[in-house]
């Protein structure tokens, strides 16, 4: 007879399944092995929720699994064979509603057929205790339903906040690879059994002593892990009340090696369907020949065989070039390797990290690296295509972020060329700037959008002075270009504009003076007055312009 308990009758008709698949920003991934799916039971009111507004949740682990190439599916309906058909792992964290016998049978069949189950009980004798006991016993485990304490091995002097180290953690098991410390928050213990492997246990001076807190086993073709606490996998909860007027941060997934254990658990439970968790992040994705690109990220699998790092030109279908030797150690949120760009031509490259496990499962994650042109002269930028990455070194800032908002101008000391650099990074007038940026050209005026800019003090006591120019000689279309150069021009104000004003010196060319980029308030001189203006040569709507560095000097009133 079908057993309906709690909210089962009310929700039984629900059929919505939410597939949560998040793309890691700026990282493209290629799956060699089909994507494993982790199903998270939300129907039975689990202790750890995927609801971002919940106090106790499991969203961080979900997001990290997805970033590493796994899918996470939220199960909002009763468990059945059909519900689990596309899952490789089922995650259950302290359910507070009973499972029907048909559900328990479906879960047992799922594991027997090769699936994996991670089940977490919780502390003490509580309303969920009989629910958890029934679930655990259906898979061959048994809970003590107590709250273990350890006065000697704990965190924050809180006896329920147990730290497991040394002999309390099983050695030689795939689940404990790279795990030297685990930290739980109010765990129940489990009944020892010759058919089960103890993964973590209380110390000899704990209460109860030398009792398992995490166990694992093979079950048919599948695998099961049962934990006395779900909080190894939980999002951190800051400023948690731990009794006696004391509060402390409950670190959850981030405590000790809990994260590594969680990754080991998921990849081990996935069994034959497993593939390594792989994600890549680059502290900087741009360099020039001779620079070193640090490659960070995660490669983790309880049965990791090796991983390798390769590159090839972006968009190419040619062979990959491997960097160094294959590596065999898991890395969690750390340095995977390094790419020395010595001898690498300028251009865009795909960087790929590929990992494989002992059962042949593999997964790759890629990132884009830009090798910039290292140019000695600003004028050399003009020969590079739009979108090219370039680097210029130690160019004097003639107009800085102390003058303008969102842009600076740099110039050669011989005043042969200058360029606008779009940046919000602090870069003060008179300093020397090394700029790595993306080249663009509009209306013949070249500019760089900075992706990195560093400055240093200028050892020279002299500073680049503005070049005096007539209105006619300004702009890129009349002989030698003054675009990007620090210039000084004179003229009569012939009209105020919404973004500045216009001057004319009678040579037949009117010059727009742009004041809208100024870091401070810049007054507009009266129409008809004669002024001198200092700023950077530029362009406005295809016509020559000056980006004012400072307020106009009024030479004569109208």
Protein backbone atom coordinates (compact mmCIF):
# COMPACT_ATOMS: atom_id res chain seq x y z
CA UNK A 1 0.00 0.00 0.00
CA UNK A 2 1.33 3.43 -0.91
CA UNK A 3 2.24 5.45 2.17
CA UNK A 4 1.55 9.19 2.06
CA UNK A 5 2.98 11.35 4.86
CA UNK A 6 3.40 15.01 5.70
CA UNK A 7 3.00 17.21 2.68
CA UNK A 8 3.12 14.26 0.25
CA UNK A 9 -0.57 14.29 -0.66
CA UNK A 10 -0.50 18.03 -1.31
CA UNK A 11 2.54 17.97 -3.57
CA UNK A 12 2.22 14.62 -5.24
CA UNK A 13 0.88 16.12 -8.46
CA UNK A 14 3.88 18.37 -8.96
CA UNK A 15 5.98 17.54 -11.99
CA UNK A 16 8.30 20.50 -12.45
CA UNK A 17 11.97 19.70 -12.71
CA UNK A 18 14.45 22.53 -12.71
CA UNK A 19 17.72 21.93 -14.49
CA UNK A 20 20.34 24.27 -13.14
CA UNK A 21 23.19 24.73 -15.56
CA UNK A 22 25.37 27.80 -15.11
CA UNK A 23 28.12 28.88 -17.49
CA UNK A 24 31.44 29.98 -15.94
CA UNK A 25 32.11 33.55 -17.03
CA UNK A 26 34.80 33.94 -19.66
CA UNK A 27 35.61 30.21 -19.69
CA UNK A 28 34.48 27.95 -22.49
CA UNK A 29 34.36 24.23 -21.72
CA UNK A 30 34.44 21.15 -23.95
CA UNK A 31 33.13 17.86 -22.63
CA UNK A 32 34.99 14.71 -23.61
CA UNK A 33 32.71 12.53 -21.44
CA UNK A 34 28.94 13.14 -21.17
CA UNK A 35 28.04 15.61 -18.45
CA UNK A 36 27.23 13.91 -15.12
CA UNK A 37 24.06 15.07 -13.38
CA UNK A 38 23.69 15.56 -9.62
CA UNK A 39 20.07 15.47 -8.46
CA UNK A 40 19.31 17.43 -5.28
CA UNK A 41 16.20 16.31 -3.43
CA UNK A 42 14.19 19.42 -2.53
CA UNK A 43 10.82 17.68 -2.21
CA UNK A 44 11.44 16.23 1.25
CA UNK A 45 12.34 19.58 2.87
CA UNK A 46 16.07 18.98 3.06
CA UNK A 47 18.18 20.79 5.64
CA UNK A 48 20.49 22.31 3.02
CA UNK A 49 18.51 24.12 0.37
CA UNK A 50 19.18 25.57 -3.07
CA UNK A 51 17.07 28.59 -2.14
CA UNK A 52 19.55 31.50 -1.98
CA UNK A 53 17.54 33.19 0.80
CA UNK A 54 17.72 30.18 3.15
CA UNK A 55 20.05 30.26 6.17
CA UNK A 56 21.35 26.75 5.57
CA UNK A 57 21.99 26.19 1.89
CA UNK A 58 24.17 24.36 -0.58
CA UNK A 59 24.37 26.93 -3.35
CA UNK A 60 28.17 27.37 -3.24
CA UNK A 61 28.82 23.68 -3.87
CA UNK A 62 26.17 23.67 -6.59
CA UNK A 63 27.80 26.60 -8.37
CA UNK A 64 31.27 25.09 -8.06
CA UNK A 65 30.11 21.74 -9.44
CA UNK A 66 28.51 23.48 -12.39
CA UNK A 67 31.62 25.60 -13.00
CA UNK A 68 33.61 22.36 -13.01
CA UNK A 69 31.45 20.74 -15.67
CA UNK A 70 28.69 18.91 -13.77
CA UNK A 71 24.96 19.63 -14.03
CA UNK A 72 22.88 20.09 -10.89
CA UNK A 73 19.19 19.25 -11.10
CA UNK A 74 16.70 20.26 -8.44
CA UNK A 75 14.14 17.50 -7.79
CA UNK A 76 10.85 18.98 -6.63
CA UNK A 77 8.66 15.88 -6.89
CA UNK A 78 8.50 12.45 -5.27
CA UNK A 79 11.43 10.19 -6.03
CA UNK A 80 10.87 7.54 -8.69
CA UNK A 81 12.86 5.61 -11.22
CA UNK A 82 11.79 8.07 -13.87
CA UNK A 83 12.92 11.03 -11.74
CA UNK A 84 16.35 9.48 -11.28
CA UNK A 85 16.73 8.20 -14.84
CA UNK A 86 18.99 11.05 -15.97
CA UNK A 87 20.85 11.43 -12.65
CA UNK A 88 24.24 9.98 -11.76
CA UNK A 89 24.30 11.14 -8.13
CA UNK A 90 21.46 11.83 -5.68
CA UNK A 91 22.14 14.29 -2.86
CA UNK A 92 19.93 14.18 0.27
CA UNK A 93 20.68 16.39 3.29
CA UNK A 94 18.63 15.65 6.42
CA UNK A 95 15.10 15.28 5.00
CA UNK A 96 12.26 16.38 7.24
CA UNK A 97 9.53 14.49 5.42
CA UNK A 98 9.25 10.71 5.08
CA UNK A 99 10.04 8.80 1.90
CA UNK A 100 7.42 6.34 0.70
CA UNK A 101 8.49 2.74 0.39
CA UNK A 102 8.25 3.10 -3.38
CA UNK A 103 10.69 5.99 -3.19
CA UNK A 104 13.15 4.05 -1.04
CA UNK A 105 12.88 1.12 -3.45
CA UNK A 106 13.52 3.46 -6.39
CA UNK A 107 16.62 4.86 -4.67
CA UNK A 108 17.94 1.37 -3.88
CA UNK A 109 17.39 0.34 -7.51
CA UNK A 110 19.10 3.52 -8.68
CA UNK A 111 22.21 2.73 -6.63
CA UNK A 112 22.23 -0.96 -7.53
CA UNK A 113 22.22 0.05 -11.17
CA UNK A 114 25.32 2.22 -10.82
CA UNK A 115 24.09 5.47 -9.29
CA UNK A 116 25.56 7.19 -6.27
CA UNK A 117 23.85 8.53 -3.14
CA UNK A 118 25.22 11.06 -0.66
CA UNK A 119 22.97 11.04 2.40
CA UNK A 120 23.44 13.31 5.42
CA UNK A 121 21.78 12.90 8.78
CA UNK A 122 22.14 15.53 11.51
CA UNK A 123 22.67 15.90 15.22
CA UNK A 124 20.73 14.57 18.18
CA UNK A 125 17.29 13.18 18.65
CA UNK A 126 15.14 15.45 16.53
CA UNK A 127 11.96 15.23 14.45
CA UNK A 128 14.06 14.21 11.46
CA UNK A 129 15.86 11.39 13.31
CA UNK A 130 13.41 8.54 12.49
CA UNK A 131 13.18 9.78 8.90
CA UNK A 132 16.97 9.72 8.55
CA UNK A 133 17.24 6.34 10.29
CA UNK A 134 14.73 4.76 7.94
CA UNK A 135 16.54 6.17 4.90
CA UNK A 136 19.96 5.03 6.14
CA UNK A 137 18.76 1.54 7.02
CA UNK A 138 17.21 1.11 3.58
CA UNK A 139 20.77 1.21 2.20
CA UNK A 140 22.44 -0.87 4.92
CA UNK A 141 23.54 1.87 7.34
CA UNK A 142 22.42 2.68 10.88
CA UNK A 143 22.59 5.96 12.82
CA UNK A 144 23.19 6.54 16.52
CA UNK A 145 21.06 9.72 16.39
CA UNK A 146 23.18 11.48 18.98
CA UNK A 147 25.38 14.58 19.11
CA UNK A 148 29.07 13.76 19.29
CA UNK A 149 31.32 16.01 21.38
CA UNK A 150 35.07 16.42 21.65
CA UNK A 151 36.52 18.68 24.32
CA UNK A 152 40.06 18.44 22.91
CA UNK A 153 39.67 18.48 19.13
CA UNK A 154 37.26 21.26 18.27
CA UNK A 155 37.01 24.74 16.86
CA UNK A 156 36.24 27.91 18.82
CA UNK A 157 36.33 25.88 22.07
CA UNK A 158 32.93 24.52 21.12
CA UNK A 159 32.75 20.80 21.87
CA UNK A 160 30.17 20.11 19.14
CA UNK A 161 32.33 21.72 16.45
CA UNK A 162 34.63 18.75 15.93
CA UNK A 163 37.84 18.78 13.90
CA UNK A 164 38.90 15.42 12.46
CA UNK A 165 42.61 14.93 11.81
CA UNK A 166 45.23 12.19 11.82
CA UNK A 167 43.91 8.70 12.52
CA UNK A 168 40.34 10.04 12.70
CA UNK A 169 40.41 10.21 8.88
CA UNK A 170 40.78 6.98 6.92
CA UNK A 171 43.92 6.74 4.84
CA UNK A 172 44.18 5.19 1.40
CA UNK A 173 40.56 5.70 0.39
CA UNK A 174 39.73 7.78 -2.72
CA UNK A 175 37.38 9.91 -0.61
CA UNK A 176 40.21 11.10 1.63
CA UNK A 177 42.80 11.91 -1.04
CA UNK A 178 44.16 15.35 -0.22
CA UNK A 179 42.08 15.48 2.97
CA UNK A 180 44.02 15.99 6.20
CA UNK A 181 41.39 17.94 8.15
CA UNK A 182 37.60 17.76 8.22
CA UNK A 183 35.38 19.94 10.36
CA UNK A 184 31.79 19.16 11.27
CA UNK A 185 29.18 21.07 13.19
CA UNK A 186 27.09 18.91 15.56
CA UNK A 187 27.39 15.50 13.94
CA UNK A 188 25.63 12.28 14.76
CA UNK A 189 27.70 9.10 14.81
CA UNK A 190 27.01 5.86 12.94
CA UNK A 191 26.96 2.20 13.89
CA UNK A 192 30.16 0.38 12.85
CA UNK A 193 29.79 -2.48 10.38
CA UNK A 194 32.20 -4.85 8.68
CA UNK A 195 30.34 -4.15 5.43
CA UNK A 196 30.99 -0.41 5.61
CA UNK A 197 34.18 1.65 5.39
CA UNK A 198 34.68 4.32 8.03
CA UNK A 199 35.84 7.52 6.33
CA UNK A 200 35.94 9.71 9.46
CA UNK A 201 35.44 8.87 13.11
CA UNK A 202 35.55 10.49 16.51
CA UNK A 203 38.80 10.46 18.49
CA UNK A 204 39.44 8.12 21.40
CA UNK A 205 38.78 10.96 23.86
CA UNK A 206 35.52 12.06 22.22
CA UNK A 207 32.02 11.13 23.29
CA UNK A 208 31.22 8.62 21.98
CA UNK A 209 34.83 7.53 21.36
CA UNK A 210 36.13 6.02 18.12
CA UNK A 211 32.74 6.01 16.43
CA UNK A 212 32.23 6.53 12.68
CA UNK A 213 30.82 9.89 11.57
CA UNK A 214 31.09 9.22 7.81
CA UNK A 215 30.80 5.79 6.18
CA UNK A 216 30.86 4.58 2.59
CA UNK A 217 30.26 1.39 0.67
CA UNK A 218 29.75 -0.14 -2.73
CA UNK A 219 26.10 -1.08 -3.26
CA UNK A 220 25.52 -3.29 -6.25
CA UNK A 221 27.06 -1.42 -9.17
CA UNK A 222 26.76 1.89 -7.32
CA UNK A 223 28.12 3.65 -4.25
CA UNK A 224 26.75 5.24 -1.08
CA UNK A 225 28.14 7.74 1.42
CA UNK A 226 26.33 8.43 4.70
CA UNK A 227 27.42 11.35 6.87
CA UNK A 228 26.28 12.23 10.37
CA UNK A 229 26.20 15.92 9.42
CA UNK A 230 25.36 17.84 6.23
CA UNK A 231 27.49 20.84 7.12
CA UNK A 232 30.68 19.65 5.44
CA UNK A 233 28.87 20.70 2.25
CA UNK A 234 27.07 23.84 3.43
CA UNK A 235 27.55 27.47 2.51
CA UNK A 236 29.33 29.39 5.29
CA UNK A 237 27.05 31.00 7.88
CA UNK A 238 28.68 33.99 9.60
CA UNK A 239 28.22 34.95 13.24
CA UNK A 240 26.42 31.75 14.20
CA UNK A 241 25.10 31.40 17.77
CA UNK A 242 26.95 28.45 19.36
CA UNK A 243 25.49 28.80 22.84
CA UNK A 244 26.64 30.37 26.07
CA UNK A 245 26.40 33.83 24.55
CA UNK A 246 29.12 32.91 22.04
CA UNK A 247 29.04 33.38 18.30
CA UNK A 248 31.38 32.18 15.57
CA UNK A 249 31.51 31.81 11.80
CA UNK A 250 30.26 28.40 10.67
CA UNK A 251 32.63 27.79 7.76
CA UNK A 252 30.93 24.76 6.21
CA UNK A 253 32.37 23.94 2.80
CA UNK A 254 35.33 26.28 3.37
CA UNK A 255 36.51 24.73 6.67
CA UNK A 256 39.61 22.53 6.65
CA UNK A 257 39.58 20.26 3.60
CA UNK A 258 35.78 20.03 3.47
CA UNK A 259 35.69 21.35 -0.11
CA UNK A 260 38.19 18.75 -1.31
CA UNK A 261 36.19 16.04 0.46
CA UNK A 262 32.99 17.26 -1.22
CA UNK A 263 34.62 17.15 -4.66
CA UNK A 264 36.02 13.68 -3.95
CA UNK A 265 32.58 12.54 -2.80
CA UNK A 266 30.72 13.69 -5.90
CA UNK A 267 33.27 12.34 -8.39
CA UNK A 268 33.57 9.02 -6.50
CA UNK A 269 29.80 8.59 -6.32
CA UNK A 270 29.44 9.28 -10.04
CA UNK A 271 31.37 6.05 -10.63
CA UNK A 272 31.61 5.02 -14.25
CA UNK A 273 29.85 8.24 -15.29
CA UNK A 274 32.38 10.45 -13.49
CA UNK A 275 34.64 12.93 -15.14
CA UNK A 276 37.05 15.27 -13.37
CA UNK A 277 35.90 18.65 -12.17
CA UNK A 278 37.84 21.17 -14.25
CA UNK A 279 37.68 24.96 -14.21
CA UNK A 280 40.17 27.58 -15.34
CA UNK A 281 40.72 31.19 -14.31
CA UNK A 282 43.51 33.53 -15.35
CA UNK A 283 44.67 36.37 -13.05
CA UNK A 284 45.64 38.07 -16.28
CA UNK A 285 44.81 36.89 -19.78
CA UNK A 286 47.09 39.32 -21.64
CA UNK A 287 50.87 39.32 -21.96
CA UNK A 288 53.72 39.91 -24.37
CA UNK A 289 56.48 37.56 -25.47
CA UNK A 290 58.56 36.78 -22.39
CA UNK A 291 55.74 37.28 -19.90
CA UNK A 292 54.43 34.39 -17.83
CA UNK A 293 50.71 33.69 -17.69
CA UNK A 294 49.62 32.06 -14.42
CA UNK A 295 46.93 29.43 -14.89
CA UNK A 296 44.67 28.97 -11.87
CA UNK A 297 41.60 26.87 -11.27
CA UNK A 298 40.48 23.43 -10.17
CA UNK A 299 41.24 19.92 -11.35
CA UNK A 300 39.79 17.34 -8.99
CA UNK A 301 38.59 13.77 -9.13
CA UNK A 302 38.73 11.08 -6.46
CA UNK A 303 40.30 8.88 -9.13
CA UNK A 304 42.35 11.49 -11.01
CA UNK A 305 44.90 10.02 -13.41
CA UNK A 306 46.45 13.20 -14.81
CA UNK A 307 45.86 16.57 -16.40
CA UNK A 308 47.68 18.51 -19.09
CA UNK A 309 47.78 22.10 -20.33
CA UNK A 310 47.86 22.89 -24.06
CA UNK A 311 47.42 25.83 -26.41
CA UNK A 312 46.82 26.65 -30.05
CA UNK A 313 45.83 29.76 -32.05
CA UNK A 314 42.25 30.79 -31.36
CA UNK A 315 39.86 29.57 -34.03
CA UNK A 316 42.35 27.01 -35.31
CA UNK A 317 41.48 23.35 -35.81
CA UNK A 318 45.14 22.38 -35.79
CA UNK A 319 47.11 20.40 -33.26
CA UNK A 320 47.46 21.51 -29.66
CA UNK A 321 50.90 22.26 -28.20
CA UNK A 322 51.38 20.81 -24.73
CA UNK A 323 53.03 22.90 -22.01
CA UNK A 324 55.43 20.77 -19.99
CA UNK A 325 54.56 17.34 -18.64
CA UNK A 326 51.23 15.94 -17.57
CA UNK A 327 50.52 16.46 -13.86
CA UNK A 328 48.92 13.97 -11.48
CA UNK A 329 47.91 15.89 -8.34
CA UNK A 330 44.49 17.42 -7.76
CA UNK A 331 44.33 21.19 -7.36
CA UNK A 332 41.39 22.97 -5.73
CA UNK A 333 41.18 26.71 -6.32
CA UNK A 334 44.93 26.95 -6.83
CA UNK A 335 47.70 27.22 -9.39
CA UNK A 336 47.43 24.65 -12.17
CA UNK A 337 50.48 25.76 -14.10
CA UNK A 338 52.21 28.57 -15.96
CA UNK A 339 52.71 29.52 -19.59
CA UNK A 340 55.97 31.23 -20.49
CA UNK A 341 55.20 33.32 -23.58
CA UNK A 342 58.85 33.49 -24.69
CA UNK A 343 58.91 33.08 -28.46
CA UNK A 344 55.12 33.06 -28.81
CA UNK A 345 53.98 35.35 -31.67
CA UNK A 346 51.40 38.04 -30.99
CA UNK A 347 47.82 36.89 -31.43
CA UNK A 348 44.91 35.22 -29.65
CA UNK A 349 45.25 31.70 -28.29
CA UNK A 350 42.99 29.06 -26.79
CA UNK A 351 44.44 27.60 -23.60
CA UNK A 352 43.06 24.20 -22.64
CA UNK A 353 43.26 22.17 -19.44
CA UNK A 354 42.26 18.53 -19.94
CA UNK A 355 41.95 16.06 -17.07
CA UNK A 356 41.31 12.32 -17.09
CA UNK A 357 40.42 9.89 -14.34
CA UNK A 358 41.30 6.25 -13.81
CA UNK A 359 38.10 5.01 -15.47
CA UNK A 360 38.72 6.99 -18.65
CA UNK A 361 36.40 9.90 -17.95
CA UNK A 362 37.78 13.20 -19.20
CA UNK A 363 36.85 16.84 -19.30
CA UNK A 364 38.41 20.02 -20.67
CA UNK A 365 38.06 23.70 -19.89
CA UNK A 366 39.48 26.45 -22.05
CA UNK A 367 40.30 30.12 -21.64
CA UNK A 368 41.36 32.80 -24.10
CA UNK A 369 44.86 34.31 -23.89
CA UNK A 370 45.91 37.42 -25.80
CA UNK A 371 49.59 37.78 -26.67
CA UNK A 372 50.08 41.48 -27.30
CA UNK A 373 52.43 43.26 -29.70
CA UNK A 374 55.27 44.85 -27.73
CA UNK A 375 55.84 48.20 -29.49
CA UNK A 376 58.63 50.67 -28.90
CA UNK A 377 56.86 53.67 -30.43
CA UNK A 378 53.30 54.94 -30.13
CA UNK A 379 53.30 55.57 -33.88
CA UNK A 380 53.70 51.82 -34.50
CA UNK A 381 50.19 51.23 -33.17
CA UNK A 382 48.62 52.63 -36.34
CA UNK A 383 49.89 49.68 -38.38
CA UNK A 384 48.13 47.14 -36.17
CA UNK A 385 44.57 46.01 -36.93
CA UNK A 386 41.55 47.08 -34.95
CA UNK A 387 41.13 44.76 -31.99
CA UNK A 388 44.82 43.94 -31.71
CA UNK A 389 46.36 43.87 -28.24
CA UNK A 390 49.44 46.06 -27.91
CA UNK A 391 51.79 47.18 -25.15
CA UNK A 392 53.70 50.45 -24.97
CA UNK A 393 56.19 51.08 -22.19
CA UNK A 394 57.17 54.14 -20.15
CA UNK A 395 55.29 56.81 -22.08
CA UNK A 396 54.77 60.16 -20.37
CA UNK A 397 51.24 61.02 -19.31
CA UNK A 398 50.57 64.51 -20.60
CA UNK A 399 46.93 64.52 -19.54
CA UNK A 400 46.02 62.27 -16.63
CA UNK A 401 43.09 61.13 -14.56
CA UNK A 402 43.70 64.21 -12.42
CA UNK A 403 42.67 66.18 -15.53
CA UNK A 404 40.08 64.02 -17.27
CA UNK A 405 37.54 61.33 -16.45
CA UNK A 406 37.77 57.95 -18.17
CA UNK A 407 40.80 58.70 -20.33
CA UNK A 408 44.40 59.81 -20.34
CA UNK A 409 46.84 60.85 -23.06
CA UNK A 410 50.41 59.59 -23.37
CA UNK A 411 53.11 60.92 -25.63
CA UNK A 412 56.64 60.27 -26.85
CA UNK A 413 59.23 62.53 -25.24
CA UNK A 414 60.22 63.82 -28.70
CA UNK A 415 56.56 64.76 -29.27
CA UNK A 416 56.48 62.68 -32.44
CA UNK A 417 53.24 60.91 -31.53
CA UNK A 418 50.66 60.50 -28.79
CA UNK A 419 47.52 58.51 -28.16
CA UNK A 420 44.35 58.45 -26.09
CA UNK A 421 44.10 55.65 -23.54
CA UNK A 422 40.64 54.84 -22.21
CA UNK A 423 40.98 53.87 -18.55
CA UNK A 424 39.51 54.51 -15.13
CA UNK A 425 42.69 53.44 -13.32
CA UNK A 426 44.57 56.24 -11.48
CA UNK A 427 47.25 57.65 -13.80
CA UNK A 428 48.50 61.11 -12.93
CA UNK A 429 49.91 63.74 -15.24
CA UNK A 430 53.71 63.64 -15.51
CA UNK A 431 54.05 59.95 -14.59
CA UNK A 432 55.37 57.29 -16.96
CA UNK A 433 52.79 54.72 -18.00
CA UNK A 434 53.11 51.21 -19.35
CA UNK A 435 49.86 50.38 -21.10
CA UNK A 436 48.53 47.10 -22.42
CA UNK A 437 45.38 47.69 -24.39
CA UNK A 438 43.14 46.99 -27.34
CA UNK A 439 43.71 49.11 -30.44
CA UNK A 440 40.85 50.87 -32.17
CA UNK A 441 40.67 53.54 -34.84
CA UNK A 442 37.68 55.74 -35.53
CA UNK A 443 37.73 58.59 -38.06
CA UNK A 444 41.46 58.03 -38.39
CA UNK A 445 42.11 58.69 -34.69
CA UNK A 446 43.82 55.80 -32.91
CA UNK A 447 43.12 54.90 -29.29
CA UNK A 448 43.77 52.15 -26.77
CA UNK A 449 41.29 50.65 -24.36
CA UNK A 450 43.49 49.69 -21.44
CA UNK A 451 43.27 46.20 -19.99
CA UNK A 452 46.25 46.88 -17.76
CA UNK A 453 48.09 50.06 -16.85
CA UNK A 454 50.97 50.63 -14.46
CA UNK A 455 52.65 53.93 -13.67
CA UNK A 456 55.89 55.02 -12.09
CA UNK A 457 57.52 58.31 -11.21
CA UNK A 458 59.15 60.20 -14.05
CA UNK A 459 62.89 60.54 -13.33
CA UNK A 460 63.13 63.49 -15.71
CA UNK A 461 62.64 66.94 -14.20
CA UNK A 462 61.29 68.28 -17.47
CA UNK A 463 57.78 67.69 -18.73
CA UNK A 464 56.45 67.57 -22.25
CA UNK A 465 55.25 71.02 -23.23
CA UNK A 466 52.29 71.65 -25.53
CA UNK A 467 52.91 72.19 -29.24
CA UNK A 468 51.52 75.48 -30.51
CA UNK A 469 49.27 74.88 -33.51
CA UNK A 470 46.96 76.78 -35.78
CA UNK A 471 43.37 75.66 -36.14
CA UNK A 472 44.06 74.50 -39.70
CA UNK A 473 46.94 72.22 -38.66
CA UNK A 474 44.90 70.34 -36.07
CA UNK A 475 43.45 66.93 -36.80
CA UNK A 476 44.54 63.77 -38.56
CA UNK A 477 43.63 64.79 -42.08
CA UNK A 478 45.99 67.73 -42.66
CA UNK A 479 49.61 66.64 -42.91
CA UNK A 480 51.34 65.43 -39.76
CA UNK A 481 48.73 64.37 -37.22
CA UNK A 482 48.38 66.12 -33.89
CA UNK A 483 45.92 63.50 -32.64
CA UNK A 484 46.93 62.46 -29.14
CA UNK A 485 49.55 65.20 -28.78
CA UNK A 486 49.45 67.90 -26.14
CA UNK A 487 48.68 71.08 -28.07
CA UNK A 488 47.97 74.73 -27.50
CA UNK A 489 45.67 76.66 -29.80
CA UNK A 490 44.23 80.17 -29.95
CA UNK A 491 41.04 81.59 -31.35
CA UNK A 492 37.84 83.49 -30.85
CA UNK A 493 34.88 81.75 -29.26
CA UNK A 494 32.26 81.50 -31.99
CA UNK A 495 29.69 79.43 -30.17
CA UNK A 496 28.96 77.59 -26.94
CA UNK A 497 28.15 73.88 -27.34
CA UNK A 498 26.50 71.28 -25.13
CA UNK A 499 29.85 69.59 -24.55
CA UNK A 500 32.13 72.65 -24.69
CA UNK A 501 32.60 75.45 -27.19
CA UNK A 502 34.00 76.22 -30.65
CA UNK A 503 36.89 78.52 -31.54
CA UNK A 504 38.17 79.94 -34.82
CA UNK A 505 41.45 81.70 -35.57
CA UNK A 506 40.31 82.91 -38.98
CA UNK A 507 42.18 80.21 -40.91
CA UNK A 508 38.95 78.71 -42.17
CA UNK A 509 38.83 75.78 -39.76
CA UNK A 510 36.71 75.88 -36.61
CA UNK A 511 37.87 73.76 -33.68
CA UNK A 512 35.56 72.11 -31.18
CA UNK A 513 36.90 72.36 -27.62
CA UNK A 514 35.52 69.51 -25.53
CA UNK A 515 35.17 70.22 -21.81
CA UNK A 516 32.80 67.37 -20.91
CA UNK A 517 35.66 64.99 -20.02
CA UNK A 518 37.12 67.35 -17.42
CA UNK A 519 37.65 65.94 -13.92
CA UNK A 520 36.56 69.27 -12.48
CA UNK A 521 34.13 72.02 -13.44
CA UNK A 522 35.29 73.97 -16.46
CA UNK A 523 33.64 77.31 -17.22
CA UNK A 524 32.73 78.22 -20.79
CA UNK A 525 34.19 81.56 -21.95
CA UNK A 526 31.83 84.18 -23.30
CA UNK A 527 30.96 84.13 -26.96
CA UNK A 528 33.29 86.44 -28.91
CA UNK A 529 36.15 86.34 -26.39
CA UNK A 530 39.67 85.47 -27.53
CA UNK A 531 41.14 82.48 -25.70
CA UNK A 532 44.11 80.14 -25.50
CA UNK A 533 43.38 76.50 -24.82
CA UNK A 534 45.67 73.59 -23.83
CA UNK A 535 44.60 70.00 -24.31
CA UNK A 536 44.96 66.86 -26.36
CA UNK A 537 44.47 66.81 -30.09
CA UNK A 538 41.51 64.68 -30.99
CA UNK A 539 38.39 64.29 -33.07
CA UNK A 540 34.72 65.12 -32.75
CA UNK A 541 32.24 63.78 -35.31
CA UNK A 542 35.05 63.40 -37.84
CA UNK A 543 36.34 66.93 -37.34
CA UNK A 544 39.44 68.11 -35.44
CA UNK A 545 38.97 68.90 -31.78
CA UNK A 546 40.85 69.62 -28.58
CA UNK A 547 40.04 67.73 -25.39
CA UNK A 548 40.61 70.51 -22.87
CA UNK A 549 43.10 69.72 -20.10
CA UNK A 550 42.33 72.89 -18.20
CA UNK A 551 40.04 75.89 -18.41
CA UNK A 552 40.59 78.26 -21.30
CA UNK A 553 42.77 81.30 -20.70
CA UNK A 554 40.81 84.39 -21.74
CA UNK A 555 43.14 86.73 -23.61
CA UNK A 556 40.59 89.35 -24.59
CA UNK A 557 37.01 89.97 -23.66
CA UNK A 558 34.38 90.13 -26.41
